[in-house]
Amino acid sequence: MTCKNHDLPILYSFRRCPYAMRARMALYYSGQSCVLREVILRNKPPEMIEASPKGTVPVLILKNGSVIEQSLEIMYWALEQHDPEDWLTPFKDDNSAQNLVSENDGPFKNSLDRYKYPNRYQNCDPLYYRSTGEEFLVKINERLMNTKYLFGDSFSFVDAAISPFIRQFANKDPEWFYGNELSATHRWLTSILESDIFLNIMKKYAVWENGKEETLFSFQSKS
């Protein structure tokens, strides 16, 4: 859908980036519409770099000109606008929820990068990093053996923050991932990937070019 209205936040995004995925999930769920600027990471638009010199997605520019540069902060901002199913409560009230997201973004992401892209690192054994990443999978599997989601039977901020990275890990070698004994994690991830929210935030959009019609990313508002 094209858009001539610039009186909306602007989101610089890349469809397959897990950081951008989780930001889009929160924006979609909270009913925040925005102008979507899909970028190619090897050819980042100067407008994005000017707004956020770090040069990574996602970047959200609010209507007042403020810039939110980190995916978790974008998620938090979106949910503070509207959080009908109370996604934020586990993350705000439970230190173990914050610690799990930190472990995902730190040690697990480190293993994920080296498992998926070993050629980017010197003397990198991808199977070693698959095994270190698997330790995190075991941890979340233990949590999911008794609940539908990571912090209870309702989807929350933590599931949205972590699932795109587990998806990326699984996609490296699906036969290995789905052949292991982490059945609770398989069930959890599949339920998310087949959900309406995930299917909607993974729609394909043309790469943004300055001067062309903008794309409206219209998120479903929930009452």
Protein backbone atom coordinates (compact mmCIF):
# COMPACT_ATOMS: atom_id res chain seq x y z
CA MET A 1 0.00 0.00 0.00
CA THR A 2 1.38 3.39 -0.96
CA CYS A 3 1.28 6.38 1.31
CA LYS A 4 1.47 10.14 0.83
CA ASN A 5 0.98 10.92 4.51
CA HIS A 6 4.25 11.69 6.25
CA ASP A 7 2.51 12.52 9.51
CA LEU A 8 3.46 9.05 10.74
CA PRO A 9 6.53 7.51 12.33
CA ILE A 10 9.11 6.24 9.84
CA LEU A 11 10.54 2.75 10.27
CA TYR A 12 13.74 1.73 8.51
CA SER A 13 13.68 -2.05 8.35
CA PHE A 14 15.10 -5.12 6.66
CA ARG A 15 12.65 -7.98 6.32
CA ARG A 16 14.93 -10.85 7.41
CA CYS A 17 16.77 -9.09 10.24
CA PRO A 18 15.69 -10.61 13.57
CA TYR A 19 16.08 -7.27 15.35
CA ALA A 20 13.75 -5.65 12.81
CA MET A 21 11.33 -8.58 13.04
CA ARG A 22 10.80 -8.17 16.74
CA ALA A 23 10.33 -4.43 16.39
CA ARG A 24 7.72 -4.97 13.68
CA MET A 25 5.94 -7.55 15.82
CA ALA A 26 5.54 -5.08 18.66
CA LEU A 27 4.45 -2.28 16.36
CA TYR A 28 1.92 -4.51 14.61
CA TYR A 29 0.47 -5.88 17.82
CA SER A 30 0.17 -2.44 19.41
CA GLY A 31 -1.61 -1.01 16.38
CA GLN A 32 1.07 1.52 15.41
CA SER A 33 0.98 2.41 11.72
CA CYS A 34 4.08 3.88 10.14
CA VAL A 35 5.85 4.60 6.91
CA LEU A 36 7.98 1.54 6.13
CA ARG A 37 11.31 2.03 4.41
CA GLU A 38 12.71 -1.37 3.48
CA VAL A 39 16.48 -1.15 3.02
CA ILE A 40 19.28 -3.29 1.64
CA LEU A 41 21.99 -3.49 4.27
CA ARG A 42 24.83 -3.43 1.75
CA ASN A 43 23.44 -0.19 0.32
CA LYS A 44 22.09 1.77 3.27
CA PRO A 45 20.28 4.98 2.36
CA PRO A 46 22.03 8.17 3.51
CA GLU A 47 18.77 9.34 5.08
CA MET A 48 18.90 6.40 7.49
CA ILE A 49 22.56 7.01 8.31
CA GLU A 50 21.84 10.68 8.95
CA ALA A 51 19.10 9.75 11.40
CA SER A 52 21.08 6.93 13.00
CA PRO A 53 24.84 6.83 12.33
CA LYS A 54 25.10 3.31 13.81
CA GLY A 55 23.90 2.09 10.42
CA THR A 56 21.84 -0.88 11.54
CA VAL A 57 18.13 -1.63 11.49
CA PRO A 58 15.62 -1.10 12.87
CA VAL A 59 15.45 2.66 13.23
CA LEU A 60 12.21 4.39 14.18
CA ILE A 61 11.80 8.13 13.65
CA LEU A 62 8.86 9.48 15.60
CA LYS A 63 6.59 12.27 14.42
CA ASN A 64 8.35 14.74 16.71
CA GLY A 65 11.71 13.90 15.14
CA SER A 66 12.98 11.74 18.00
CA VAL A 67 14.94 8.68 16.90
CA ILE A 68 14.75 5.25 18.55
CA GLU A 69 17.73 3.20 17.44
CA GLN A 70 17.48 -0.07 19.38
CA SER A 71 14.94 -2.80 18.69
CA LEU A 72 14.07 -3.46 22.34
CA GLU A 73 13.48 0.26 22.86
CA ILE A 74 11.20 0.35 19.80
CA MET A 75 9.27 -2.59 21.23
CA TYR A 76 8.99 -0.90 24.59
CA TRP A 77 7.82 2.38 23.01
CA ALA A 78 5.16 0.60 20.96
CA LEU A 79 3.80 -1.31 23.94
CA GLU A 80 3.69 1.81 26.06
CA GLN A 81 1.32 3.26 23.44
CA HIS A 82 -0.99 0.25 23.51
CA ASP A 83 -0.60 -3.16 25.14
CA PRO A 84 -4.02 -4.84 25.07
CA GLU A 85 -2.82 -8.33 26.00
CA ASP A 86 -0.26 -7.20 28.57
CA TRP A 87 2.92 -8.25 26.78
CA LEU A 88 5.10 -6.04 28.95
CA THR A 89 4.25 -7.28 32.42
CA PRO A 90 6.54 -10.35 32.52
CA PHE A 91 9.46 -8.34 31.20
CA LYS A 92 8.95 -5.44 33.62
CA ASP A 93 8.19 -7.51 36.71
CA ASP A 94 10.43 -10.57 36.42
CA ASN A 95 14.23 -10.28 36.45
CA SER A 96 14.50 -13.74 34.92
CA ALA A 97 12.61 -12.46 31.86
CA GLN A 98 15.09 -9.62 31.43
CA ASN A 99 17.98 -12.03 31.95
CA LEU A 100 16.64 -14.42 29.30
CA VAL A 101 16.42 -11.63 26.71
CA SER A 102 19.93 -10.47 27.67
CA GLU A 103 21.26 -14.01 27.21
CA ASN A 104 19.57 -14.21 23.83
CA ASP A 105 21.03 -10.90 22.70
CA GLY A 106 24.49 -11.68 24.12
CA PRO A 107 25.91 -15.23 24.30
CA PHE A 108 23.27 -16.84 22.09
CA LYS A 109 23.54 -14.20 19.36
CA ASN A 110 27.32 -14.61 19.48
CA SER A 111 26.95 -18.36 18.89
CA LEU A 112 24.29 -17.82 16.24
CA ASP A 113 26.49 -15.51 14.17
CA ARG A 114 29.43 -17.90 14.26
CA TYR A 115 27.28 -20.93 13.53
CA LYS A 116 25.52 -19.32 10.59
CA TYR A 117 28.37 -17.23 9.16
CA PRO A 118 31.63 -19.04 10.09
CA ASN A 119 33.50 -17.54 7.14
CA ARG A 120 33.22 -14.12 8.74
CA TYR A 121 35.37 -15.21 11.68
CA GLN A 122 38.93 -16.49 11.88
CA ASN A 123 39.39 -20.17 12.79
CA CYS A 124 35.68 -20.57 13.47
CA ASP A 125 34.21 -24.05 14.02
CA PRO A 126 30.45 -23.74 13.31
CA LEU A 127 29.63 -27.03 15.03
CA TYR A 128 31.20 -25.79 18.24
CA TYR A 129 28.99 -22.71 18.14
CA ARG A 130 25.98 -24.83 17.26
CA SER A 131 26.61 -26.75 20.49
CA THR A 132 27.00 -23.58 22.57
CA GLY A 133 23.83 -22.19 21.01
CA GLU A 134 22.06 -25.44 21.78
CA GLU A 135 22.64 -24.81 25.49
CA PHE A 136 20.29 -21.84 25.23
CA LEU A 137 17.76 -23.93 23.32
CA VAL A 138 17.81 -26.49 26.14
CA LYS A 139 17.18 -23.72 28.66
CA ILE A 140 14.14 -22.36 26.86
CA ASN A 141 12.89 -25.88 26.15
CA GLU A 142 12.84 -26.57 29.88
CA ARG A 143 10.71 -23.47 30.40
CA LEU A 144 8.34 -24.47 27.60
CA MET A 145 7.73 -27.99 28.84
CA ASN A 146 5.13 -26.71 31.29
CA THR A 147 3.82 -23.56 29.61
CA LYS A 148 2.73 -22.58 26.12
CA TYR A 149 5.03 -19.57 26.02
CA LEU A 150 8.21 -18.56 27.81
CA PHE A 151 6.48 -16.82 30.70
CA GLY A 152 3.13 -18.48 31.00
CA ASP A 153 0.35 -19.43 28.63
CA SER A 154 0.14 -16.02 26.98
CA PHE A 155 2.48 -14.65 24.33
CA SER A 156 4.58 -11.80 25.70
CA PHE A 157 7.38 -9.34 25.02
CA VAL A 158 9.93 -12.09 25.75
CA ASP A 159 8.56 -14.46 23.09
CA ALA A 160 8.56 -11.65 20.52
CA ALA A 161 12.09 -10.60 21.47
CA ILE A 162 13.63 -14.08 21.28
CA SER A 163 11.73 -16.04 18.62
CA PRO A 164 13.22 -14.32 15.52
CA PHE A 165 16.70 -15.39 16.65
CA ILE A 166 15.61 -18.98 17.29
CA ARG A 167 14.06 -18.96 13.82
CA GLN A 168 17.37 -17.89 12.32
CA PHE A 169 19.23 -20.59 14.25
CA ALA A 170 16.72 -23.23 13.09
CA ASN A 171 16.96 -22.14 9.45
CA LYS A 172 20.68 -22.82 9.31
CA ASP A 173 20.03 -26.58 9.41
CA PRO A 174 16.33 -27.40 9.82
CA GLU A 175 16.94 -31.14 9.67
CA TRP A 176 19.26 -30.94 12.66
CA PHE A 177 17.08 -28.48 14.56
CA TYR A 178 13.82 -30.38 14.19
CA GLY A 179 15.57 -33.73 14.58
CA ASN A 180 16.73 -33.04 18.12
CA GLU A 181 14.72 -33.73 21.25
CA LEU A 182 13.65 -30.16 21.99
CA SER A 183 10.01 -30.82 21.16
CA ALA A 184 8.64 -28.02 23.34
CA THR A 185 10.82 -25.48 21.54
CA HIS A 186 9.76 -26.88 18.16
CA ARG A 187 6.10 -26.52 19.10
CA TRP A 188 6.60 -22.99 20.45
CA LEU A 189 8.52 -21.76 17.41
CA THR A 190 6.13 -23.33 14.92
CA SER A 191 3.13 -21.76 16.63
CA ILE A 192 4.76 -18.33 16.36
CA LEU A 193 5.88 -18.70 12.75
CA GLU A 194 2.38 -19.78 11.73
CA SER A 195 0.64 -16.99 13.66
CA ASP A 196 -1.19 -14.15 11.94
CA ILE A 197 1.06 -11.57 13.52
CA PHE A 198 4.25 -13.16 12.21
CA LEU A 199 2.85 -13.81 8.73
CA ASN A 200 1.76 -10.18 8.52
CA ILE A 201 5.06 -8.68 9.62
CA MET A 202 6.94 -10.87 7.11
CA LYS A 203 5.16 -9.58 4.02
CA LYS A 204 7.55 -8.47 1.28
CA TYR A 205 7.91 -4.82 0.35
CA ALA A 206 9.88 -3.08 -2.36
CA VAL A 207 13.19 -1.53 -1.38
CA TRP A 208 12.70 2.13 -0.52
CA GLU A 209 14.10 4.81 -2.81
CA ASN A 210 14.02 8.50 -2.04
CA GLY A 211 11.56 10.37 -4.23
CA LYS A 212 9.28 7.40 -4.85
CA GLU A 213 5.91 6.73 -3.29
CA GLU A 214 6.19 5.76 0.35
CA THR A 215 4.89 2.43 1.67
CA LEU A 216 2.34 2.44 4.46
CA PHE A 217 2.89 -0.33 6.93
CA SER A 218 -0.57 -0.45 8.46
CA PHE A 219 -0.66 -2.42 11.64
CA GLN A 220 -3.77 -4.13 12.91
CA SER A 221 -5.16 -2.32 15.89
CA LYS A 222 -6.52 -4.50 18.69
CA SER A 223 -9.15 -3.27 21.08
